[in-house]
Amino acid sequence: MKKMKVFLLSAAILVVAVVLTTGVKSMNAAGAPEIKIDNFSFGPASITVPVGTPITWANHDDVPHVIASVDNLFKSKPLDTDDRFSFTFTKPGTYEYFCAIHPRMTGTVVVQ
């Protein structure tokens, strides 16, 4: 019983540490980080996550956006208001992305 309590406490501390170090402001229902699209910007604009983490972009603007990686690794369909797009990062690296409709909208995902 004591080992289980220690394990659960350790797991809770790890989750808090990951959330605090990634700067994640919100998570989707599955507990994965969510990047909000609002006012023609990505929030947060930069995020750091462990390998294997799915990221979800959620469009809260009243205009469509298309999420596209600079290196052509991923590209969403046009996202209308409240639409979502998810991608799982399986390799470490720095991934830059932008809105293909509004190219001044940019962001970065750092995968460790």
PDB file of N, CA and C in Angstrom:
ATOM      1  N   MET A   1       0.827  -1.190   0.000  1.00  0.00           N
ATOM      2  CA  MET A   1       0.000   0.000   0.000  1.00  0.00           C
ATOM      3  C   MET A   1       0.869   1.250   0.000  1.00  0.00           C
ATOM      4  N   LYS A   2       1.944   1.238   0.800  1.00  0.00           N
ATOM      5  CA  LYS A   2       2.817   2.401   0.875  1.00  0.00           C
ATOM      6  C   LYS A   2       3.505   2.656  -0.469  1.00  0.00           C
ATOM      7  N   LYS A   3       3.915   1.568  -1.152  1.00  0.00           N
ATOM      8  CA  LYS A   3       4.552   1.714  -2.468  1.00  0.00           C
ATOM      9  C   LYS A   3       3.588   2.345  -3.472  1.00  0.00           C
ATOM     10  N   MET A   4       2.308   1.988  -3.399  1.00  0.00           N
ATOM     11  CA  MET A   4       1.307   2.544  -4.309  1.00  0.00           C
ATOM     12  C   MET A   4       1.139   4.042  -4.069  1.00  0.00           C
ATOM     13  N   LYS A   5       1.110   4.453  -2.816  1.00  0.00           N
ATOM     14  CA  LYS A   5       0.979   5.878  -2.494  1.00  0.00           C
ATOM     15  C   LYS A   5       2.185   6.658  -3.001  1.00  0.00           C
ATOM     16  N   VAL A   6       3.370   6.109  -2.833  1.00  0.00           N
ATOM     17  CA  VAL A   6       4.592   6.759  -3.315  1.00  0.00           C
ATOM     18  C   VAL A   6       4.556   6.853  -4.836  1.00  0.00           C
ATOM     19  N   PHE A   7       4.120   5.789  -5.501  1.00  0.00           N
ATOM     20  CA  PHE A   7       4.029   5.795  -6.964  1.00  0.00           C
ATOM     21  C   PHE A   7       3.046   6.863  -7.442  1.00  0.00           C
ATOM     22  N   LEU A   8       1.866   6.918  -6.819  1.00  0.00           N
ATOM     23  CA  LEU A   8       0.864   7.891  -7.233  1.00  0.00           C
ATOM     24  C   LEU A   8       1.339   9.322  -6.985  1.00  0.00           C
ATOM     25  N   LEU A   9       1.992   9.553  -5.871  1.00  0.00           N
ATOM     26  CA  LEU A   9       2.527  10.878  -5.578  1.00  0.00           C
ATOM     27  C   LEU A   9       3.603  11.255  -6.592  1.00  0.00           C
ATOM     28  N   SER A  10       4.474  10.313  -6.919  1.00  0.00           N
ATOM     29  CA  SER A  10       5.523  10.566  -7.918  1.00  0.00           C
ATOM     30  C   SER A  10       4.923  10.885  -9.281  1.00  0.00           C
ATOM     31  N   ALA A  11       3.895  10.143  -9.656  1.00  0.00           N
ATOM     32  CA  ALA A  11       3.239  10.381 -10.947  1.00  0.00           C
ATOM     33  C   ALA A  11       2.596  11.763 -10.977  1.00  0.00           C
ATOM     34  N   ALA A  12       1.961  12.158  -9.882  1.00  0.00           N
ATOM     35  CA  ALA A  12       1.331  13.479  -9.819  1.00  0.00           C
ATOM     36  C   ALA A  12       2.376  14.588  -9.913  1.00  0.00           C
ATOM     37  N   ILE A  13       3.488  14.414  -9.242  1.00  0.00           N
ATOM     38  CA  ILE A  13       4.568  15.409  -9.300  1.00  0.00           C
ATOM     39  C   ILE A  13       5.119  15.509 -10.716  1.00  0.00           C
ATOM     40  N   LEU A  14       5.274  14.383 -11.386  1.00  0.00           N
ATOM     41  CA  LEU A  14       5.770  14.383 -12.762  1.00  0.00           C
ATOM     42  C   LEU A  14       4.819  15.135 -13.692  1.00  0.00           C
ATOM     43  N   VAL A  15       3.534  14.901 -13.561  1.00  0.00           N
ATOM     44  CA  VAL A  15       2.555  15.598 -14.402  1.00  0.00           C
ATOM     45  C   VAL A  15       2.621  17.106 -14.170  1.00  0.00           C
ATOM     46  N   VAL A  16       2.687  17.522 -12.933  1.00  0.00           N
ATOM     47  CA  VAL A  16       2.779  18.946 -12.614  1.00  0.00           C
ATOM     48  C   VAL A  16       4.061  19.530 -13.186  1.00  0.00           C
ATOM     49  N   ALA A  17       5.160  18.819 -13.066  1.00  0.00           N
ATOM     50  CA  ALA A  17       6.444  19.311 -13.595  1.00  0.00           C
ATOM     51  C   ALA A  17       6.383  19.478 -15.104  1.00  0.00           C
ATOM     52  N   VAL A  18       5.791  18.527 -15.805  1.00  0.00           N
ATOM     53  CA  VAL A  18       5.684  18.627 -17.266  1.00  0.00           C
ATOM     54  C   VAL A  18       4.832  19.824 -17.652  1.00  0.00           C
ATOM     55  N   VAL A  19       3.704  20.005 -16.996  1.00  0.00           N
ATOM     56  CA  VAL A  19       2.828  21.131 -17.318  1.00  0.00           C
ATOM     57  C   VAL A  19       3.532  22.456 -17.043  1.00  0.00           C
ATOM     58  N   LEU A  20       4.217  22.560 -15.933  1.00  0.00           N
ATOM     59  CA  LEU A  20       4.895  23.807 -15.599  1.00  0.00           C
ATOM     60  C   LEU A  20       6.054  24.112 -16.535  1.00  0.00           C
ATOM     61  N   THR A  21       6.784  23.100 -16.963  1.00  0.00           N
ATOM     62  CA  THR A  21       7.945  23.354 -17.815  1.00  0.00           C
ATOM     63  C   THR A  21       7.583  23.538 -19.275  1.00  0.00           C
ATOM     64  N   THR A  22       6.419  23.067 -19.715  1.00  0.00           N
ATOM     65  CA  THR A  22       6.052  23.236 -21.118  1.00  0.00           C
ATOM     66  C   THR A  22       5.324  24.547 -21.365  1.00  0.00           C
ATOM     67  N   GLY A  23       4.872  25.192 -20.339  1.00  0.00           N
ATOM     68  CA  GLY A  23       4.129  26.427 -20.538  1.00  0.00           C
ATOM     69  C   GLY A  23       2.737  26.176 -21.093  1.00  0.00           C
ATOM     70  N   VAL A  24       2.243  24.973 -20.959  1.00  0.00           N
ATOM     71  CA  VAL A  24       0.934  24.638 -21.482  1.00  0.00           C
ATOM     72  C   VAL A  24      -0.127  25.345 -20.656  1.00  0.00           C
ATOM     73  N   LYS A  25      -0.968  26.099 -21.317  1.00  0.00           N
ATOM     74  CA  LYS A  25      -2.024  26.826 -20.636  1.00  0.00           C
ATOM     75  C   LYS A  25      -3.311  26.005 -20.567  1.00  0.00           C
ATOM     76  N   SER A  26      -3.482  25.094 -21.542  1.00  0.00           N
ATOM     77  CA  SER A  26      -4.683  24.279 -21.524  1.00  0.00           C
ATOM     78  C   SER A  26      -4.382  22.913 -22.115  1.00  0.00           C
ATOM     79  N   MET A  27      -5.254  21.975 -21.791  1.00  0.00           N
ATOM     80  CA  MET A  27      -5.121  20.627 -22.328  1.00  0.00           C
ATOM     81  C   MET A  27      -6.480  20.214 -22.852  1.00  0.00           C
ATOM     82  N   ASN A  28      -6.462  19.299 -23.825  1.00  0.00           N
ATOM     83  CA  ASN A  28      -7.732  18.819 -24.346  1.00  0.00           C
ATOM     84  C   ASN A  28      -8.290  17.743 -23.417  1.00  0.00           C
ATOM     85  N   ALA A  29      -9.423  17.170 -23.791  1.00  0.00           N
ATOM     86  CA  ALA A  29     -10.091  16.198 -22.926  1.00  0.00           C
ATOM     87  C   ALA A  29      -9.221  14.986 -22.629  1.00  0.00           C
ATOM     88  N   ALA A  30      -8.321  14.630 -23.549  1.00  0.00           N
ATOM     89  CA  ALA A  30      -7.450  13.479 -23.342  1.00  0.00           C
ATOM     90  C   ALA A  30      -6.228  13.829 -22.502  1.00  0.00           C
ATOM     91  N   GLY A  31      -6.106  15.083 -22.091  1.00  0.00           N
ATOM     92  CA  GLY A  31      -4.967  15.497 -21.283  1.00  0.00           C
ATOM     93  C   GLY A  31      -3.756  15.898 -22.100  1.00  0.00           C
ATOM     94  N   ALA A  32      -3.891  15.969 -23.418  1.00  0.00           N
ATOM     95  CA  ALA A  32      -2.776  16.371 -24.281  1.00  0.00           C
ATOM     96  C   ALA A  32      -2.738  17.900 -24.397  1.00  0.00           C
ATOM     97  N   PRO A  33      -1.556  18.462 -24.627  1.00  0.00           N
ATOM     98  CA  PRO A  33      -1.462  19.918 -24.773  1.00  0.00           C
ATOM     99  C   PRO A  33      -2.302  20.429 -25.939  1.00  0.00           C
ATOM    100  N   GLU A  34      -2.878  21.606 -25.731  1.00  0.00           N
ATOM    101  CA  GLU A  34      -3.704  22.230 -26.757  1.00  0.00           C
ATOM    102  C   GLU A  34      -3.188  23.628 -27.039  1.00  0.00           C
ATOM    103  N   ILE A  35      -3.022  23.935 -28.317  1.00  0.00           N
ATOM    104  CA  ILE A  35      -2.622  25.271 -28.742  1.00  0.00           C
ATOM    105  C   ILE A  35      -3.871  25.957 -29.267  1.00  0.00           C
ATOM    106  N   LYS A  36      -4.196  27.091 -28.675  1.00  0.00           N
ATOM    107  CA  LYS A  36      -5.395  27.821 -29.079  1.00  0.00           C
ATOM    108  C   LYS A  36      -5.062  28.792 -30.203  1.00  0.00           C
ATOM    109  N   ILE A  37      -5.934  28.828 -31.183  1.00  0.00           N
ATOM    110  CA  ILE A  37      -5.834  29.786 -32.265  1.00  0.00           C
ATOM    111  C   ILE A  37      -6.895  30.845 -31.971  1.00  0.00           C
ATOM    112  N   ASP A  38      -6.434  32.065 -31.721  1.00  0.00           N
ATOM    113  CA  ASP A  38      -7.362  33.134 -31.373  1.00  0.00           C
ATOM    114  C   ASP A  38      -6.735  34.466 -31.723  1.00  0.00           C
ATOM    115  N   ASN A  39      -7.533  35.366 -32.272  1.00  0.00           N
ATOM    116  CA  ASN A  39      -7.059  36.699 -32.624  1.00  0.00           C
ATOM    117  C   ASN A  39      -5.841  36.634 -33.552  1.00  0.00           C
ATOM    118  N   PHE A  40      -5.889  35.715 -34.514  1.00  0.00           N
ATOM    119  CA  PHE A  40      -4.837  35.525 -35.506  1.00  0.00           C
ATOM    120  C   PHE A  40      -3.468  35.256 -34.862  1.00  0.00           C
ATOM    121  N   SER A  41      -3.484  34.431 -33.808  1.00  0.00           N
ATOM    122  CA  SER A  41      -2.222  34.031 -33.171  1.00  0.00           C
ATOM    123  C   SER A  41      -2.380  32.652 -32.543  1.00  0.00           C
ATOM    124  N   PHE A  42      -1.220  32.012 -32.288  1.00  0.00           N
ATOM    125  CA  PHE A  42      -1.177  30.715 -31.623  1.00  0.00           C
ATOM    126  C   PHE A  42      -0.804  30.931 -30.167  1.00  0.00           C
ATOM    127  N   GLY A  43      -1.504  30.258 -29.262  1.00  0.00           N
ATOM    128  CA  GLY A  43      -1.177  30.408 -27.849  1.00  0.00           C
ATOM    129  C   GLY A  43      -1.136  29.060 -27.150  1.00  0.00           C
ATOM    130  N   PRO A  44       0.015  28.681 -26.615  1.00  0.00           N
ATOM    131  CA  PRO A  44       1.275  29.428 -26.637  1.00  0.00           C
ATOM    132  C   PRO A  44       1.933  29.351 -28.020  1.00  0.00           C
ATOM    133  N   ALA A  45       2.750  30.351 -28.334  1.00  0.00           N
ATOM    134  CA  ALA A  45       3.438  30.397 -29.625  1.00  0.00           C
ATOM    135  C   ALA A  45       4.563  29.371 -29.691  1.00  0.00           C
ATOM    136  N   SER A  46       5.105  28.988 -28.538  1.00  0.00           N
ATOM    137  CA  SER A  46       6.157  27.980 -28.469  1.00  0.00           C
ATOM    138  C   SER A  46       5.833  27.032 -27.322  1.00  0.00           C
ATOM    139  N   ILE A  47       6.043  25.747 -27.580  1.00  0.00           N
ATOM    140  CA  ILE A  47       5.743  24.732 -26.569  1.00  0.00           C
ATOM    141  C   ILE A  47       6.819  23.654 -26.631  1.00  0.00           C
ATOM    142  N   THR A  48       7.177  23.111 -25.475  1.00  0.00           N
ATOM    143  CA  THR A  48       8.147  22.018 -25.396  1.00  0.00           C
ATOM    144  C   THR A  48       7.441  20.805 -24.809  1.00  0.00           C
ATOM    145  N   VAL A  49       7.568  19.665 -25.506  1.00  0.00           N
ATOM    146  CA  VAL A  49       6.874  18.446 -25.089  1.00  0.00           C
ATOM    147  C   VAL A  49       7.802  17.244 -25.230  1.00  0.00           C
ATOM    148  N   PRO A  50       7.509  16.157 -24.526  1.00  0.00           N
ATOM    149  CA  PRO A  50       8.267  14.917 -24.705  1.00  0.00           C
ATOM    150  C   PRO A  50       7.906  14.233 -26.029  1.00  0.00           C
ATOM    151  N   VAL A  51       8.816  13.413 -26.533  1.00  0.00           N
ATOM    152  CA  VAL A  51       8.560  12.602 -27.732  1.00  0.00           C
ATOM    153  C   VAL A  51       7.290  11.782 -27.513  1.00  0.00           C
ATOM    154  N   GLY A  52       6.481  11.653 -28.555  1.00  0.00           N
ATOM    155  CA  GLY A  52       5.259  10.861 -28.475  1.00  0.00           C
ATOM    156  C   GLY A  52       4.043  11.636 -28.010  1.00  0.00           C
ATOM    157  N   THR A  53       4.205  12.928 -27.825  1.00  0.00           N
ATOM    158  CA  THR A  53       3.102  13.750 -27.333  1.00  0.00           C
ATOM    159  C   THR A  53       2.241  14.251 -28.488  1.00  0.00           C
ATOM    160  N   PRO A  54       0.937  13.996 -28.430  1.00  0.00           N
ATOM    161  CA  PRO A  54       0.060  14.592 -29.440  1.00  0.00           C
ATOM    162  C   PRO A  54      -0.239  16.043 -29.052  1.00  0.00           C
ATOM    163  N   ILE A  55      -0.208  16.916 -30.026  1.00  0.00           N
ATOM    164  CA  ILE A  55      -0.565  18.321 -29.827  1.00  0.00           C
ATOM    165  C   ILE A  55      -1.862  18.556 -30.588  1.00  0.00           C
ATOM    166  N   THR A  56      -2.773  19.296 -29.990  1.00  0.00           N
ATOM    167  CA  THR A  56      -4.025  19.639 -30.648  1.00  0.00           C
ATOM    168  C   THR A  56      -4.099  21.153 -30.802  1.00  0.00           C
ATOM    169  N   TRP A  57      -4.394  21.589 -32.011  1.00  0.00           N
ATOM    170  CA  TRP A  57      -4.662  23.004 -32.282  1.00  0.00           C
ATOM    171  C   TRP A  57      -6.171  23.166 -32.342  1.00  0.00           C
ATOM    172  N   ALA A  58      -6.696  24.178 -31.657  1.00  0.00           N
ATOM    173  CA  ALA A  58      -8.135  24.435 -31.628  1.00  0.00           C
ATOM    174  C   ALA A  58      -8.395  25.855 -32.121  1.00  0.00           C
ATOM    175  N   ASN A  59      -9.204  25.972 -33.173  1.00  0.00           N
ATOM    176  CA  ASN A  59      -9.488  27.280 -33.750  1.00  0.00           C
ATOM    177  C   ASN A  59     -10.627  27.972 -33.008  1.00  0.00           C
ATOM    178  N   HIS A  60     -10.292  29.077 -32.347  1.00  0.00           N
ATOM    179  CA  HIS A  60     -11.306  29.877 -31.651  1.00  0.00           C
ATOM    180  C   HIS A  60     -11.553  31.199 -32.361  1.00  0.00           C
ATOM    181  N   ASP A  61     -10.939  31.370 -33.533  1.00  0.00           N
ATOM    182  CA  ASP A  61     -11.209  32.545 -34.359  1.00  0.00           C
ATOM    183  C   ASP A  61     -12.494  32.325 -35.145  1.00  0.00           C
ATOM    184  N   ASP A  62     -13.020  33.405 -35.710  1.00  0.00           N
ATOM    185  CA  ASP A  62     -14.221  33.281 -36.529  1.00  0.00           C
ATOM    186  C   ASP A  62     -13.892  33.187 -38.018  1.00  0.00           C
ATOM    187  N   VAL A  63     -12.626  32.924 -38.329  1.00  0.00           N
ATOM    188  CA  VAL A  63     -12.180  32.712 -39.706  1.00  0.00           C
ATOM    189  C   VAL A  63     -11.397  31.399 -39.761  1.00  0.00           C
ATOM    190  N   PRO A  64     -11.323  30.771 -40.936  1.00  0.00           N
ATOM    191  CA  PRO A  64     -10.586  29.509 -41.058  1.00  0.00           C
ATOM    192  C   PRO A  64      -9.074  29.703 -40.961  1.00  0.00           C
ATOM    193  N   HIS A  65      -8.389  28.640 -40.522  1.00  0.00           N
ATOM    194  CA  HIS A  65      -6.925  28.593 -40.470  1.00  0.00           C
ATOM    195  C   HIS A  65      -6.481  27.205 -40.920  1.00  0.00           C
ATOM    196  N   VAL A  66      -5.283  27.134 -41.513  1.00  0.00           N
ATOM    197  CA  VAL A  66      -4.687  25.858 -41.914  1.00  0.00           C
ATOM    198  C   VAL A  66      -3.333  25.757 -41.230  1.00  0.00           C
ATOM    199  N   ILE A  67      -3.136  24.725 -40.408  1.00  0.00           N
ATOM    200  CA  ILE A  67      -1.880  24.518 -39.696  1.00  0.00           C
ATOM    201  C   ILE A  67      -0.956  23.709 -40.599  1.00  0.00           C
ATOM    202  N   ALA A  68       0.241  24.256 -40.873  1.00  0.00           N
ATOM    203  CA  ALA A  68       1.186  23.577 -41.757  1.00  0.00           C
ATOM    204  C   ALA A  68       2.594  23.701 -41.200  1.00  0.00           C
ATOM    205  N   SER A  69       3.335  22.581 -41.212  1.00  0.00           N
ATOM    206  CA  SER A  69       4.722  22.635 -40.745  1.00  0.00           C
ATOM    207  C   SER A  69       5.604  23.172 -41.863  1.00  0.00           C
ATOM    208  N   VAL A  70       6.651  23.888 -41.483  1.00  0.00           N
ATOM    209  CA  VAL A  70       7.588  24.454 -42.446  1.00  0.00           C
ATOM    210  C   VAL A  70       8.245  23.350 -43.269  1.00  0.00           C
ATOM    211  N   ASP A  71       8.507  22.190 -42.627  1.00  0.00           N
ATOM    212  CA  ASP A  71       9.191  21.083 -43.309  1.00  0.00           C
ATOM    213  C   ASP A  71       8.222  20.085 -43.964  1.00  0.00           C
ATOM    214  N   ASN A  72       6.961  20.473 -44.133  1.00  0.00           N
ATOM    215  CA  ASN A  72       5.931  19.636 -44.784  1.00  0.00           C
ATOM    216  C   ASN A  72       5.658  18.323 -44.059  1.00  0.00           C
ATOM    217  N   LEU A  73       5.890  18.274 -42.756  1.00  0.00           N
ATOM    218  CA  LEU A  73       5.624  17.067 -41.980  1.00  0.00           C
ATOM    219  C   LEU A  73       4.125  16.872 -41.744  1.00  0.00           C
ATOM    220  N   PHE A  74       3.396  17.957 -41.575  1.00  0.00           N
ATOM    221  CA  PHE A  74       1.958  17.874 -41.364  1.00  0.00           C
ATOM    222  C   PHE A  74       1.271  19.114 -41.936  1.00  0.00           C
ATOM    223  N   LYS A  75      -0.010  18.935 -42.251  1.00  0.00           N
ATOM    224  CA  LYS A  75      -0.840  20.034 -42.729  1.00  0.00           C
ATOM    225  C   LYS A  75      -2.290  19.685 -42.450  1.00  0.00           C
ATOM    226  N   SER A  76      -3.010  20.597 -41.840  1.00  0.00           N
ATOM    227  CA  SER A  76      -4.417  20.360 -41.532  1.00  0.00           C
ATOM    228  C   SER A  76      -5.294  20.729 -42.719  1.00  0.00           C
ATOM    229  N   LYS A  77      -6.518  20.292 -42.660  1.00  0.00           N
ATOM    230  CA  LYS A  77      -7.538  20.814 -43.566  1.00  0.00           C
ATOM    231  C   LYS A  77      -7.885  22.214 -43.050  1.00  0.00           C
ATOM    232  N   PRO A  78      -8.611  23.021 -43.785  1.00  0.00           N
ATOM    233  CA  PRO A  78      -9.034  24.313 -43.233  1.00  0.00           C
ATOM    234  C   PRO A  78      -9.882  24.095 -41.977  1.00  0.00           C
ATOM    235  N   LEU A  79      -9.483  24.745 -40.898  1.00  0.00           N
ATOM    236  CA  LEU A  79     -10.185  24.605 -39.625  1.00  0.00           C
ATOM    237  C   LEU A  79     -11.143  25.769 -39.441  1.00  0.00           C
ATOM    238  N   ASP A  80     -12.440  25.473 -39.417  1.00  0.00           N
ATOM    239  CA  ASP A  80     -13.428  26.506 -39.126  1.00  0.00           C
ATOM    240  C   ASP A  80     -13.480  26.722 -37.612  1.00  0.00           C
ATOM    241  N   THR A  81     -14.292  27.647 -37.180  1.00  0.00           N
ATOM    242  CA  THR A  81     -14.433  27.941 -35.758  1.00  0.00           C
ATOM    243  C   THR A  81     -14.769  26.672 -34.982  1.00  0.00           C
ATOM    244  N   ASP A  82     -14.011  26.437 -33.916  1.00  0.00           N
ATOM    245  CA  ASP A  82     -14.143  25.294 -33.006  1.00  0.00           C
ATOM    246  C   ASP A  82     -13.663  23.963 -33.601  1.00  0.00           C
ATOM    247  N   ASP A  83     -13.126  23.962 -34.810  1.00  0.00           N
ATOM    248  CA  ASP A  83     -12.510  22.747 -35.356  1.00  0.00           C
ATOM    249  C   ASP A  83     -11.159  22.521 -34.698  1.00  0.00           C
ATOM    250  N   ARG A  84     -10.709  21.253 -34.707  1.00  0.00           N
ATOM    251  CA  ARG A  84      -9.440  20.884 -34.099  1.00  0.00           C
ATOM    252  C   ARG A  84      -8.614  20.052 -35.071  1.00  0.00           C
ATOM    253  N   PHE A  85      -7.291  20.124 -34.875  1.00  0.00           N
ATOM    254  CA  PHE A  85      -6.347  19.310 -35.634  1.00  0.00           C
ATOM    255  C   PHE A  85      -5.300  18.811 -34.660  1.00  0.00           C
ATOM    256  N   SER A  86      -4.965  17.516 -34.734  1.00  0.00           N
ATOM    257  CA  SER A  86      -3.964  16.939 -33.841  1.00  0.00           C
ATOM    258  C   SER A  86      -2.847  16.284 -34.641  1.00  0.00           C
ATOM    259  N   PHE A  87      -1.655  16.321 -34.067  1.00  0.00           N
ATOM    260  CA  PHE A  87      -0.500  15.662 -34.653  1.00  0.00           C
ATOM    261  C   PHE A  87       0.371  15.156 -33.524  1.00  0.00           C
ATOM    262  N   THR A  88       0.896  13.930 -33.660  1.00  0.00           N
ATOM    263  CA  THR A  88       1.773  13.336 -32.659  1.00  0.00           C
ATOM    264  C   THR A  88       3.217  13.417 -33.143  1.00  0.00           C
ATOM    265  N   PHE A  89       4.071  13.987 -32.320  1.00  0.00           N
ATOM    266  CA  PHE A  89       5.486  14.154 -32.642  1.00  0.00           C
ATOM    267  C   PHE A  89       6.261  12.945 -32.135  1.00  0.00           C
ATOM    268  N   THR A  90       6.835  12.171 -33.053  1.00  0.00           N
ATOM    269  CA  THR A  90       7.489  10.909 -32.695  1.00  0.00           C
ATOM    270  C   THR A  90       9.009  10.991 -32.673  1.00  0.00           C
ATOM    271  N   LYS A  91       9.572  12.127 -33.069  1.00  0.00           N
ATOM    272  CA  LYS A  91      11.030  12.285 -33.077  1.00  0.00           C
ATOM    273  C   LYS A  91      11.407  13.613 -32.431  1.00  0.00           C
ATOM    274  N   PRO A  92      12.532  13.633 -31.708  1.00  0.00           N
ATOM    275  CA  PRO A  92      12.987  14.889 -31.121  1.00  0.00           C
ATOM    276  C   PRO A  92      13.333  15.903 -32.214  1.00  0.00           C
ATOM    277  N   GLY A  93      13.189  17.160 -31.890  1.00  0.00           N
ATOM    278  CA  GLY A  93      13.553  18.213 -32.834  1.00  0.00           C
ATOM    279  C   GLY A  93      12.749  19.469 -32.577  1.00  0.00           C
ATOM    280  N   THR A  94      13.046  20.483 -33.363  1.00  0.00           N
ATOM    281  CA  THR A  94      12.312  21.740 -33.304  1.00  0.00           C
ATOM    282  C   THR A  94      11.493  21.849 -34.581  1.00  0.00           C
ATOM    283  N   TYR A  95      10.195  21.970 -34.420  1.00  0.00           N
ATOM    284  CA  TYR A  95       9.271  21.992 -35.539  1.00  0.00           C
ATOM    285  C   TYR A  95       8.585  23.352 -35.609  1.00  0.00           C
ATOM    286  N   GLU A  96       8.834  24.073 -36.696  1.00  0.00           N
ATOM    287  CA  GLU A  96       8.182  25.359 -36.905  1.00  0.00           C
ATOM    288  C   GLU A  96       6.937  25.137 -37.748  1.00  0.00           C
ATOM    289  N   TYR A  97       5.891  25.890 -37.446  1.00  0.00           N
ATOM    290  CA  TYR A  97       4.652  25.784 -38.209  1.00  0.00           C
ATOM    291  C   TYR A  97       4.064  27.174 -38.418  1.00  0.00           C
ATOM    292  N   PHE A  98       3.065  27.245 -39.296  1.00  0.00           N
ATOM    293  CA  PHE A  98       2.437  28.521 -39.615  1.00  0.00           C
ATOM    294  C   PHE A  98       1.025  28.255 -40.115  1.00  0.00           C
ATOM    295  N   CYS A  99       0.260  29.317 -40.277  1.00  0.00           N
ATOM    296  CA  CYS A  99      -1.049  29.207 -40.901  1.00  0.00           C
ATOM    297  C   CYS A  99      -0.851  29.415 -42.399  1.00  0.00           C
ATOM    298  N   ALA A 100      -1.256  28.446 -43.202  1.00  0.00           N
ATOM    299  CA  ALA A 100      -1.067  28.535 -44.651  1.00  0.00           C
ATOM    300  C   ALA A 100      -1.944  29.622 -45.283  1.00  0.00           C
ATOM    301  N   ILE A 101      -2.976  30.047 -44.585  1.00  0.00           N
ATOM    302  CA  ILE A 101      -3.834  31.124 -45.080  1.00  0.00           C
ATOM    303  C   ILE A 101      -3.288  32.485 -44.637  1.00  0.00           C
ATOM    304  N   HIS A 102      -2.746  32.531 -43.423  1.00  0.00           N
ATOM    305  CA  HIS A 102      -2.218  33.769 -42.832  1.00  0.00           C
ATOM    306  C   HIS A 102      -0.767  33.511 -42.406  1.00  0.00           C
ATOM    307  N   PRO A 103       0.190  33.552 -43.341  1.00  0.00           N
ATOM    308  CA  PRO A 103       1.570  33.120 -43.079  1.00  0.00           C
ATOM    309  C   PRO A 103       2.315  33.888 -41.986  1.00  0.00           C
ATOM    310  N   ARG A 104       1.797  35.024 -41.564  1.00  0.00           N
ATOM    311  CA  ARG A 104       2.447  35.749 -40.459  1.00  0.00           C
ATOM    312  C   ARG A 104       2.163  35.097 -39.113  1.00  0.00           C
ATOM    313  N   MET A 105       1.201  34.204 -39.081  1.00  0.00           N
ATOM    314  CA  MET A 105       0.910  33.436 -37.870  1.00  0.00           C
ATOM    315  C   MET A 105       1.906  32.283 -37.809  1.00  0.00           C
ATOM    316  N   THR A 106       2.762  32.272 -36.803  1.00  0.00           N
ATOM    317  CA  THR A 106       3.791  31.238 -36.692  1.00  0.00           C
ATOM    318  C   THR A 106       3.859  30.687 -35.274  1.00  0.00           C
ATOM    319  N   GLY A 107       4.425  29.499 -35.165  1.00  0.00           N
ATOM    320  CA  GLY A 107       4.632  28.874 -33.866  1.00  0.00           C
ATOM    321  C   GLY A 107       5.706  27.821 -33.948  1.00  0.00           C
ATOM    322  N   THR A 108       6.096  27.314 -32.780  1.00  0.00           N
ATOM    323  CA  THR A 108       7.173  26.326 -32.695  1.00  0.00           C
ATOM    324  C   THR A 108       6.810  25.246 -31.681  1.00  0.00           C
ATOM    325  N   VAL A 109       7.087  23.994 -32.041  1.00  0.00           N
ATOM    326  CA  VAL A 109       6.974  22.869 -31.116  1.00  0.00           C
ATOM    327  C   VAL A 109       8.370  22.283 -30.968  1.00  0.00           C
ATOM    328  N   VAL A 110       8.869  22.240 -29.730  1.00  0.00           N
ATOM    329  CA  VAL A 110      10.168  21.631 -29.432  1.00  0.00           C
ATOM    330  C   VAL A 110       9.879  20.275 -28.794  1.00  0.00           C
ATOM    331  N   VAL A 111      10.410  19.213 -29.408  1.00  0.00           N
ATOM    332  CA  VAL A 111      10.164  17.860 -28.924  1.00  0.00           C
ATOM    333  C   VAL A 111      11.482  17.315 -28.383  1.00  0.00           C
ATOM    334  N   GLN A 112      11.447  16.893 -27.105  1.00  0.00           N
ATOM    335  CA  GLN A 112      12.660  16.392 -26.440  1.00  0.00           C
ATOM    336  C   GLN A 112      12.542  14.911 -26.153  1.00  0.00           C
TER     337      GLN A 112
END
